C-alpha atoms as a PDB file:
ATOM      1  CA  MET A   1     290.046 115.263  26.668  1.00  0.00           C
ATOM      2  CA  CYS A   2     292.923 113.027  25.084  1.00  0.00           C
ATOM      3  CA  LEU A   3     295.423 114.159  22.831  1.00  0.00           C
ATOM      4  CA  PRO A   4     296.991 112.607  19.866  1.00  0.00           C
ATOM      5  CA  ARG A   5     300.223 110.720  20.725  1.00  0.00           C
ATOM      6  CA  ALA A   6     302.259 112.157  17.798  1.00  0.00           C
ATOM      7  CA  GLY A   7     303.327 115.733  16.675  1.00  0.00           C
ATOM      8  CA  ILE A   8     303.113 116.675  13.013  1.00  0.00           C
ATOM      9  CA  SER A   9     305.580 119.072  11.262  1.00  0.00           C
ATOM     10  CA  ALA A  10     305.491 121.226   8.289  1.00  0.00           C
ATOM     11  CA  LYS A  11     308.162 118.599   6.744  1.00  0.00           C
ATOM     12  CA  PHE A  12     305.813 115.749   7.854  1.00  0.00           C
ATOM     13  CA  GLY A  13     308.194 114.394  10.663  1.00  0.00           C
ATOM     14  CA  ILE A  14     306.839 112.494  13.230  1.00  0.00           C
ATOM     15  CA  ILE A  15     307.941 113.204  17.147  1.00  0.00           C
ATOM     16  CA  ARG A  16     307.713 109.759  18.638  1.00  0.00           C
ATOM     17  CA  SER A  17     305.068 110.277  21.287  1.00  0.00           C
ATOM     18  CA  PHE A  18     303.197 112.712  23.714  1.00  0.00           C
ATOM     19  CA  SER A  19     302.085 112.081  27.036  1.00  0.00           C
ATOM     20  CA  THR A  20     298.091 111.496  27.263  1.00  0.00           C
ATOM     21  CA  CYS A  21     296.022 112.434  29.958  1.00  0.00           C
ATOM     22  CA  SER A  22     293.013 114.455  31.014  1.00  0.00           C
ATOM     23  CA  PHE A  23     293.315 117.883  29.973  1.00  0.00           C
ATOM     24  CA  SER A  24     293.897 120.070  33.087  1.00  0.00           C
ATOM     25  CA  GLY A  25     295.365 123.138  31.770  1.00  0.00           C
ATOM     26  CA  PRO A  26     296.202 125.129  28.598  1.00  0.00           C
ATOM     27  CA  CYS A  27     298.622 123.220  26.604  1.00  0.00           C
ATOM     28  CA  SER A  28     299.437 121.046  29.688  1.00  0.00           C
ATOM     29  CA  HIS A  29     300.533 118.213  27.692  1.00  0.00           C
ATOM     30  CA  TRP A  30     302.843 120.577  25.529  1.00  0.00           C
ATOM     31  CA  LEU A  31     304.325 123.328  28.012  1.00  0.00           C
ATOM     32  CA  SER A  32     304.692 120.619  31.101  1.00  0.00           C
ATOM     33  CA  SER A  33     305.393 117.473  29.172  1.00  0.00           C
ATOM     34  CA  LEU A  34     307.383 118.251  26.045  1.00  0.00           C
ATOM     35  CA  PRO A  35     307.604 115.790  23.084  1.00  0.00           C
ATOM     36  CA  ILE A  36     309.601 112.717  23.803  1.00  0.00           C
ATOM     37  CA  PHE A  37     312.232 112.434  21.276  1.00  0.00           C
ATOM     38  CA  ASP A  38     314.410 109.158  21.121  1.00  0.00           C
ATOM     39  CA  PRO A  39     317.555 108.876  22.895  1.00  0.00           C
ATOM     40  CA  LEU A  40     320.844 109.657  21.019  1.00  0.00           C
ATOM     41  CA  PRO A  41     322.463 106.561  19.549  1.00  0.00           C
ATOM     42  CA  PRO A  42     325.292 104.899  21.242  1.00  0.00           C
ATOM     43  CA  ARG A  43     328.578 106.303  20.458  1.00  0.00           C
ATOM     44  CA  LYS A  44     330.880 104.610  18.353  1.00  0.00           C
ATOM     45  CA  SER A  45     334.154 103.395  19.672  1.00  0.00           C
ATOM     46  CA  GLY A  46     337.050 106.082  19.693  1.00  0.00           C
ATOM     47  CA  THR A  47     334.382 108.981  20.090  1.00  0.00           C
ATOM     48  CA  GLU A  48     334.038 108.924  23.828  1.00  0.00           C
ATOM     49  CA  ASN A  49     335.511 112.326  24.085  1.00  0.00           C
ATOM     50  CA  GLN A  50     333.232 113.954  21.634  1.00  0.00           C
ATOM     51  CA  ILE A  51     330.528 116.054  22.719  1.00  0.00           C
ATOM     52  CA  PRO A  52     327.027 115.476  21.227  1.00  0.00           C
ATOM     53  CA  LYS A  53     325.651 117.853  19.011  1.00  0.00           C
ATOM     54  CA  ARG A  54     323.113 120.219  20.937  1.00  0.00           C
ATOM     55  CA  ARG A  55     319.583 120.174  19.884  1.00  0.00           C
ATOM     56  CA  HIS A  56     318.193 123.644  18.377  1.00  0.00           C
ATOM     57  CA  ILE A  57     316.114 125.947  21.206  1.00  0.00           C
ATOM     58  CA  SER A  58     312.567 126.013  20.027  1.00  0.00           C
ATOM     59  CA  THR A  59     310.028 129.082  19.925  1.00  0.00           C
ATOM     60  CA  ARG A  60     306.575 128.014  21.028  1.00  0.00           C
ATOM     61  CA  PHE A  61     303.495 130.146  19.740  1.00  0.00           C
ATOM     62  CA  ILE A  62     300.181 130.062  21.538  1.00  0.00           C
ATOM     63  CA  LEU A  63     297.840 131.132  18.349  1.00  0.00           C
ATOM     64  CA  ILE A  64     294.531 132.588  19.730  1.00  0.00           C
ATOM     65  CA  ARG A  65     291.496 133.318  17.729  1.00  0.00           C
ATOM     66  CA  HIS A  66     289.707 136.494  19.103  1.00  0.00           C
ATOM     67  CA  GLY A  67     286.123 136.317  20.895  1.00  0.00           C
ATOM     68  CA  GLU A  68     282.736 136.708  20.081  1.00  0.00           C
ATOM     69  CA  THR A  69     281.402 139.918  17.985  1.00  0.00           C
ATOM     70  CA  GLU A  70     277.826 140.428  16.695  1.00  0.00           C
ATOM     71  CA  TRP A  71     279.063 140.182  13.191  1.00  0.00           C
ATOM     72  CA  ASN A  72     279.959 136.442  14.121  1.00  0.00           C
ATOM     73  CA  LYS A  73     276.495 135.958  15.301  1.00  0.00           C
ATOM     74  CA  THR A  74     274.932 137.266  11.775  1.00  0.00           C
ATOM     75  CA  GLU A  75     277.258 135.650   9.872  1.00  0.00           C
ATOM     76  CA  ARG A  76     279.037 138.898   8.218  1.00  0.00           C
ATOM     77  CA  TYR A  77     282.138 139.214   6.602  1.00  0.00           C
ATOM     78  CA  ARG A  78     284.083 140.942   8.954  1.00  0.00           C
ATOM     79  CA  GLY A  79     287.624 141.591   7.525  1.00  0.00           C
ATOM     80  CA  ARG A  80     289.395 145.038   8.435  1.00  0.00           C
ATOM     81  CA  SER A  81     286.214 146.375  10.050  1.00  0.00           C
ATOM     82  CA  ASP A  82     286.203 147.501  13.525  1.00  0.00           C
ATOM     83  CA  ILE A  83     283.971 145.412  15.021  1.00  0.00           C
ATOM     84  CA  PRO A  84     284.409 144.927  18.850  1.00  0.00           C
ATOM     85  CA  LEU A  85     283.715 142.190  21.145  1.00  0.00           C
ATOM     86  CA  ASN A  86     280.020 141.528  22.432  1.00  0.00           C
ATOM     87  CA  GLU A  87     279.286 140.677  25.800  1.00  0.00           C
ATOM     88  CA  ILE A  88     280.157 136.953  25.436  1.00  0.00           C
ATOM     89  CA  GLY A  89     283.221 137.747  23.477  1.00  0.00           C
ATOM     90  CA  ILE A  90     284.575 139.746  26.723  1.00  0.00           C
ATOM     91  CA  LEU A  91     283.938 136.947  28.839  1.00  0.00           C
ATOM     92  CA  GLN A  92     285.434 134.532  26.416  1.00  0.00           C
ATOM     93  CA  ALA A  93     288.622 136.782  26.615  1.00  0.00           C
ATOM     94  CA  GLN A  94     288.745 136.593  30.123  1.00  0.00           C
ATOM     95  CA  LYS A  95     288.463 132.751  29.990  1.00  0.00           C
ATOM     96  CA  ILE A  96     291.621 132.931  27.808  1.00  0.00           C
ATOM     97  CA  ALA A  97     293.445 134.811  29.978  1.00  0.00           C
ATOM     98  CA  THR A  98     292.409 132.656  33.192  1.00  0.00           C
ATOM     99  CA  HIS A  99     293.313 129.506  31.620  1.00  0.00           C
ATOM    100  CA  LEU A 100     296.845 130.603  30.533  1.00  0.00           C
ATOM    101  CA  ALA A 101     297.512 132.625  33.518  1.00  0.00           C
ATOM    102  CA  ALA A 102     299.615 129.930  35.274  1.00  0.00           C
ATOM    103  CA  HIS A 103     301.926 129.453  32.366  1.00  0.00           C
ATOM    104  CA  LYS A 104     305.156 131.195  31.367  1.00  0.00           C
ATOM    105  CA  LEU A 105     304.534 133.755  28.518  1.00  0.00           C
ATOM    106  CA  ASP A 106     307.218 135.969  27.225  1.00  0.00           C
ATOM    107  CA  ALA A 107     305.113 138.113  24.764  1.00  0.00           C
ATOM    108  CA  VAL A 108     301.608 139.062  23.515  1.00  0.00           C
ATOM    109  CA  TYR A 109     301.418 140.207  19.820  1.00  0.00           C
ATOM    110  CA  ALA A 110     297.858 141.071  18.351  1.00  0.00           C
ATOM    111  CA  SER A 111     296.005 142.423  15.145  1.00  0.00           C
ATOM    112  CA  PRO A 112     295.533 146.128  15.409  1.00  0.00           C
ATOM    113  CA  LEU A 113     291.659 145.579  15.382  1.00  0.00           C
ATOM    114  CA  PRO A 114     289.395 146.095  18.266  1.00  0.00           C
ATOM    115  CA  ARG A 115     288.444 142.482  18.806  1.00  0.00           C
ATOM    116  CA  ALA A 116     291.701 140.994  18.779  1.00  0.00           C
ATOM    117  CA  ILE A 117     293.026 144.181  20.992  1.00  0.00           C
ATOM    118  CA  GLN A 118     290.189 143.377  23.439  1.00  0.00           C
ATOM    119  CA  THR A 119     290.983 139.422  23.312  1.00  0.00           C
ATOM    120  CA  ALA A 120     294.777 139.916  24.105  1.00  0.00           C
ATOM    121  CA  LYS A 121     294.534 142.314  27.060  1.00  0.00           C
ATOM    122  CA  PRO A 122     293.355 140.202  29.707  1.00  0.00           C
ATOM    123  CA  LEU A 123     295.886 138.130  28.802  1.00  0.00           C
ATOM    124  CA  ALA A 124     298.394 140.416  28.422  1.00  0.00           C
ATOM    125  CA  ASP A 125     297.652 142.153  32.032  1.00  0.00           C
ATOM    126  CA  SER A 126     297.484 138.679  33.688  1.00  0.00           C
ATOM    127  CA  HIS A 127     301.117 138.522  32.724  1.00  0.00           C
ATOM    128  CA  ASN A 128     302.175 142.222  33.104  1.00  0.00           C
ATOM    129  CA  LEU A 129     303.136 142.454  29.465  1.00  0.00           C
ATOM    130  CA  GLU A 130     302.371 145.102  26.830  1.00  0.00           C
ATOM    131  CA  ILE A 131     300.389 144.314  23.807  1.00  0.00           C
ATOM    132  CA  GLN A 132     302.441 144.264  20.614  1.00  0.00           C
ATOM    133  CA  ILE A 133     300.519 145.349  17.738  1.00  0.00           C
ATOM    134  CA  THR A 134     301.528 144.094  14.341  1.00  0.00           C
ATOM    135  CA  ALA A 135     299.354 144.343  11.120  1.00  0.00           C
ATOM    136  CA  ASP A 136     300.700 140.702  10.045  1.00  0.00           C
ATOM    137  CA  LEU A 137     298.042 139.241  12.311  1.00  0.00           C
ATOM    138  CA  LEU A 138     295.142 141.380  10.451  1.00  0.00           C
ATOM    139  CA  ASP A 139     292.475 139.487   9.087  1.00  0.00           C
ATOM    140  CA  ILE A 140     292.115 139.134   5.228  1.00  0.00           C
ATOM    141  CA  ASP A 141     290.943 141.946   3.525  1.00  0.00           C
ATOM    142  CA  TYR A 142     287.440 141.083   2.022  1.00  0.00           C
ATOM    143  CA  GLY A 143     287.314 144.042  -0.050  1.00  0.00           C
ATOM    144  CA  ALA A 144     284.018 144.696  -1.489  1.00  0.00           C
ATOM    145  CA  TRP A 145     282.528 141.737   0.681  1.00  0.00           C
ATOM    146  CA  GLU A 146     283.434 143.496   3.729  1.00  0.00           C
ATOM    147  CA  GLY A 147     280.203 143.803   6.147  1.00  0.00           C
ATOM    148  CA  MET A 148     277.978 141.827   3.893  1.00  0.00           C
ATOM    149  CA  ALA A 149     275.960 138.944   5.338  1.00  0.00           C
ATOM    150  CA  ARG A 150     276.402 135.486   3.894  1.00  0.00           C
ATOM    151  CA  GLU A 151     273.099 135.331   2.190  1.00  0.00           C
ATOM    152  CA  ASP A 152     273.867 138.327   0.109  1.00  0.00           C
ATOM    153  CA  ILE A 153     277.148 137.731  -0.846  1.00  0.00           C
ATOM    154  CA  ARG A 154     275.805 134.367  -2.437  1.00  0.00           C
ATOM    155  CA  GLU A 155     273.327 135.933  -4.117  1.00  0.00           C
ATOM    156  CA  LYS A 156     275.329 138.981  -5.443  1.00  0.00           C
ATOM    157  CA  TYR A 157     278.652 136.903  -6.059  1.00  0.00           C
ATOM    158  CA  PRO A 158     277.619 133.246  -6.609  1.00  0.00           C
ATOM    159  CA  ALA A 159     280.648 132.243  -8.614  1.00  0.00           C
ATOM    160  CA  LEU A 160     283.220 133.884  -6.519  1.00  0.00           C
ATOM    161  CA  HIS A 161     281.455 132.513  -3.290  1.00  0.00           C
ATOM    162  CA  ASP A 162     281.416 128.994  -4.594  1.00  0.00           C
ATOM    163  CA  LYS A 163     285.158 129.558  -5.588  1.00  0.00           C
ATOM    164  CA  TRP A 164     285.983 130.478  -2.111  1.00  0.00           C
ATOM    165  CA  VAL A 165     284.362 127.517  -0.736  1.00  0.00           C
ATOM    166  CA  LYS A 166     285.998 125.451  -2.857  1.00  0.00           C
ATOM    167  CA  THR A 167     289.189 126.814  -3.729  1.00  0.00           C
ATOM    168  CA  PRO A 168     289.973 129.440  -1.391  1.00  0.00           C
ATOM    169  CA  GLY A 169     293.644 129.559  -2.461  1.00  0.00           C
ATOM    170  CA  ARG A 170     292.665 130.616  -5.975  1.00  0.00           C
ATOM    171  CA  VAL A 171     290.652 133.761  -4.680  1.00  0.00           C
ATOM    172  CA  GLU A 172     291.358 137.358  -4.725  1.00  0.00           C
ATOM    173  CA  PHE A 173     288.498 139.597  -3.475  1.00  0.00           C
ATOM    174  CA  PRO A 174     287.718 142.818  -5.327  1.00  0.00           C
ATOM    175  CA  GLY A 175     289.611 145.718  -3.810  1.00  0.00           C
ATOM    176  CA  GLY A 176     291.097 143.159  -1.083  1.00  0.00           C
ATOM    177  CA  GLU A 177     293.437 140.816  -0.665  1.00  0.00           C
ATOM    178  CA  SER A 178     294.228 136.961  -1.304  1.00  0.00           C
ATOM    179  CA  ILE A 179     294.976 133.931   0.558  1.00  0.00           C
ATOM    180  CA  ARG A 180     298.532 133.873  -0.855  1.00  0.00           C
ATOM    181  CA  GLN A 181     298.966 137.698   0.325  1.00  0.00           C
ATOM    182  CA  VAL A 182     297.933 136.312   3.855  1.00  0.00           C
ATOM    183  CA  ARG A 183     300.253 133.423   3.783  1.00  0.00           C
ATOM    184  CA  LEU A 184     303.322 135.810   3.069  1.00  0.00           C
ATOM    185  CA  ARG A 185     302.823 138.187   5.859  1.00  0.00           C
ATOM    186  CA  VAL A 186     302.016 135.497   8.453  1.00  0.00           C
ATOM    187  CA  ASP A 187     305.270 133.498   7.235  1.00  0.00           C
ATOM    188  CA  LYS A 188     307.262 136.816   7.623  1.00  0.00           C
ATOM    189  CA  LEU A 189     306.013 137.098  11.015  1.00  0.00           C
ATOM    190  CA  PHE A 190     306.779 133.483  11.849  1.00  0.00           C
ATOM    191  CA  ASN A 191     310.214 133.751  11.065  1.00  0.00           C
ATOM    192  CA  LYS A 192     310.928 137.083  12.591  1.00  0.00           C
ATOM    193  CA  LEU A 193     309.566 135.862  16.054  1.00  0.00           C
ATOM    194  CA  CYS A 194     311.421 132.838  15.746  1.00  0.00           C
ATOM    195  CA  ASP A 195     314.729 135.034  15.498  1.00  0.00           C
ATOM    196  CA  ASP A 196     313.395 137.565  18.191  1.00  0.00           C
ATOM    197  CA  HIS A 197     312.054 134.902  20.685  1.00  0.00           C
ATOM    198  CA  LEU A 198     314.326 132.187  20.417  1.00  0.00           C
ATOM    199  CA  GLY A 199     313.947 129.645  23.446  1.00  0.00           C
ATOM    200  CA  GLU A 200     310.396 131.832  24.428  1.00  0.00           C
ATOM    201  CA  THR A 201     306.961 131.553  24.383  1.00  0.00           C
ATOM    202  CA  VAL A 202     304.750 134.192  22.211  1.00  0.00           C
ATOM    203  CA  ALA A 203     300.894 134.571  22.263  1.00  0.00           C
ATOM    204  CA  LEU A 204     299.579 135.566  18.835  1.00  0.00           C
ATOM    205  CA  VAL A 205     295.941 136.844  18.873  1.00  0.00           C
ATOM    206  CA  SER A 206     294.432 136.849  15.242  1.00  0.00           C
ATOM    207  CA  HIS A 207     291.391 136.319  13.293  1.00  0.00           C
ATOM    208  CA  ARG A 208     289.424 133.296  11.839  1.00  0.00           C
ATOM    209  CA  VAL A 209     291.218 132.972   8.302  1.00  0.00           C
ATOM    210  CA  THR A 210     294.783 134.216   9.439  1.00  0.00           C
ATOM    211  CA  CYS A 211     294.862 131.384  12.052  1.00  0.00           C
ATOM    212  CA  HIS A 212     293.554 128.987   9.312  1.00  0.00           C
ATOM    213  CA  VAL A 213     296.706 130.249   7.038  1.00  0.00           C
ATOM    214  CA  ALA A 214     298.723 130.120  10.137  1.00  0.00           C
ATOM    215  CA  ILE A 215     297.931 126.336  10.825  1.00  0.00           C
ATOM    216  CA  CYS A 216     298.363 125.683   7.024  1.00  0.00           C
ATOM    217  CA  ILE A 217     302.139 126.995   7.335  1.00  0.00           C
ATOM    218  CA  ALA A 218     302.613 124.700  10.105  1.00  0.00           C
ATOM    219  CA  LEU A 219     301.213 121.724   8.544  1.00  0.00           C
ATOM    220  CA  GLY A 220     302.809 122.459   5.363  1.00  0.00           C
ATOM    221  CA  LEU A 221     299.322 122.490   3.294  1.00  0.00           C
ATOM    222  CA  ALA A 222     298.153 124.414   0.619  1.00  0.00           C
ATOM    223  CA  ASN A 223     296.347 127.567   0.484  1.00  0.00           C
ATOM    224  CA  ASP A 224     293.181 125.363  -0.819  1.00  0.00           C
ATOM    225  CA  SER A 225     293.400 123.524   2.303  1.00  0.00           C
ATOM    226  CA  ILE A 226     292.389 126.200   4.936  1.00  0.00           C
ATOM    227  CA  TRP A 227     288.790 124.883   5.194  1.00  0.00           C
ATOM    228  CA  HIS A 228     290.047 121.590   5.972  1.00  0.00           C
ATOM    229  CA  ILE A 229     290.942 122.613   9.365  1.00  0.00           C
ATOM    230  CA  ARG A 230     288.296 124.002  12.031  1.00  0.00           C
ATOM    231  CA  GLN A 231     289.054 127.366  14.163  1.00  0.00           C
ATOM    232  CA  ASP A 232     286.175 128.109  16.426  1.00  0.00           C
ATOM    233  CA  ILE A 233     285.601 131.353  18.058  1.00  0.00           C
ATOM    234  CA  GLY A 234     288.118 132.054  21.006  1.00  0.00           C
ATOM    235  CA  CYS A 235     290.189 128.762  20.273  1.00  0.00           C
ATOM    236  CA  ILE A 236     293.747 128.004  21.297  1.00  0.00           C
ATOM    237  CA  ASN A 237     296.606 126.312  19.256  1.00  0.00           C
ATOM    238  CA  CYS A 238     300.025 125.564  20.071  1.00  0.00           C
ATOM    239  CA  ILE A 239     302.688 125.493  17.435  1.00  0.00           C
ATOM    240  CA  GLU A 240     306.447 124.817  17.963  1.00  0.00           C
ATOM    241  CA  SER A 241     309.015 125.710  15.704  1.00  0.00           C
ATOM    242  CA  ARG A 242     311.988 123.353  16.055  1.00  0.00           C
ATOM    243  CA  ASP A 243     315.204 122.404  13.641  1.00  0.00           C
ATOM    244  CA  GLY A 244     313.685 124.858  11.082  1.00  0.00           C
ATOM    245  CA  ALA A 245     310.189 122.817  11.147  1.00  0.00           C
ATOM    246  CA  TYR A 246     306.813 123.518  12.717  1.00  0.00           C
ATOM    247  CA  ILE A 247     305.003 121.245  15.011  1.00  0.00           C
ATOM    248  CA  VAL A 248     301.537 121.525  15.944  1.00  0.00           C
ATOM    249  CA  THR A 249     300.928 120.143  19.378  1.00  0.00           C
ATOM    250  CA  LEU A 250     297.211 121.564  20.007  1.00  0.00           C
ATOM    251  CA  MET A 251     294.571 122.580  17.676  1.00  0.00           C
ATOM    252  CA  ASN A 252     291.044 124.452  17.956  1.00  0.00           C
ATOM    253  CA  GLU A 253     291.015 123.706  21.822  1.00  0.00           C
ATOM    254  CA  THR A 254     287.974 125.360  23.479  1.00  0.00           C
ATOM    255  CA  ILE A 255     287.654 123.809  26.775  1.00  0.00           C
ATOM    256  CA  HIS A 256     288.306 126.757  28.644  1.00  0.00           C
ATOM    257  CA  LEU A 257     285.084 128.416  27.205  1.00  0.00           C
ATOM    258  CA  ALA A 258     282.841 125.731  28.549  1.00  0.00           C
END
């Protein structure tokens, strides 16, 4: 799988290039071949003894959507429901762990819901790490939609469903959350982890909508843009925080599930 030649940041800055090659490992182009930065400009006369400004140390995130559940198969809105992984999801979790086993990982964070914890456990075990649970990675609270099938929602809430499809950033679910609320908690978590894990690599195991929102934060996209991003079951994304901006270096990678 060939990867893009340029990284995109939340400030829409472009890193000059990435090495491109056949994909042979998780985030391999990113973890083992970092982006190529333009060299420092030649020093001006009289500055020979000056020390060049040190580049900021980055925090790297591996953002993972949990494995498959029965409700994924039947297209039911999962939200905060305690739905475990099915047999396929359990196998996907192991494949994620195998895919990332050879790479340095300093911490694993997960949503408190069973499907996220089950996905995170093989990964944490392979790196001898404890799973750190955080509610900031929870799925969106669908409120009255919780547990309902997609077709039933279209019939019972046609206007709200249409709004959710076309302008999701403007929806607040009856008795539930809005995308804005999800974004606030995910952004808060990113900021905290950037401080707590400076120079480290952190895995985050979460849910579909939460992953969409996290990518929108990294790319500086509005809340209505979440459906312009694809997040398949068990996918891996790589995000780097550097110089106060986010750079997405891998998105919706699923080759490990083949």
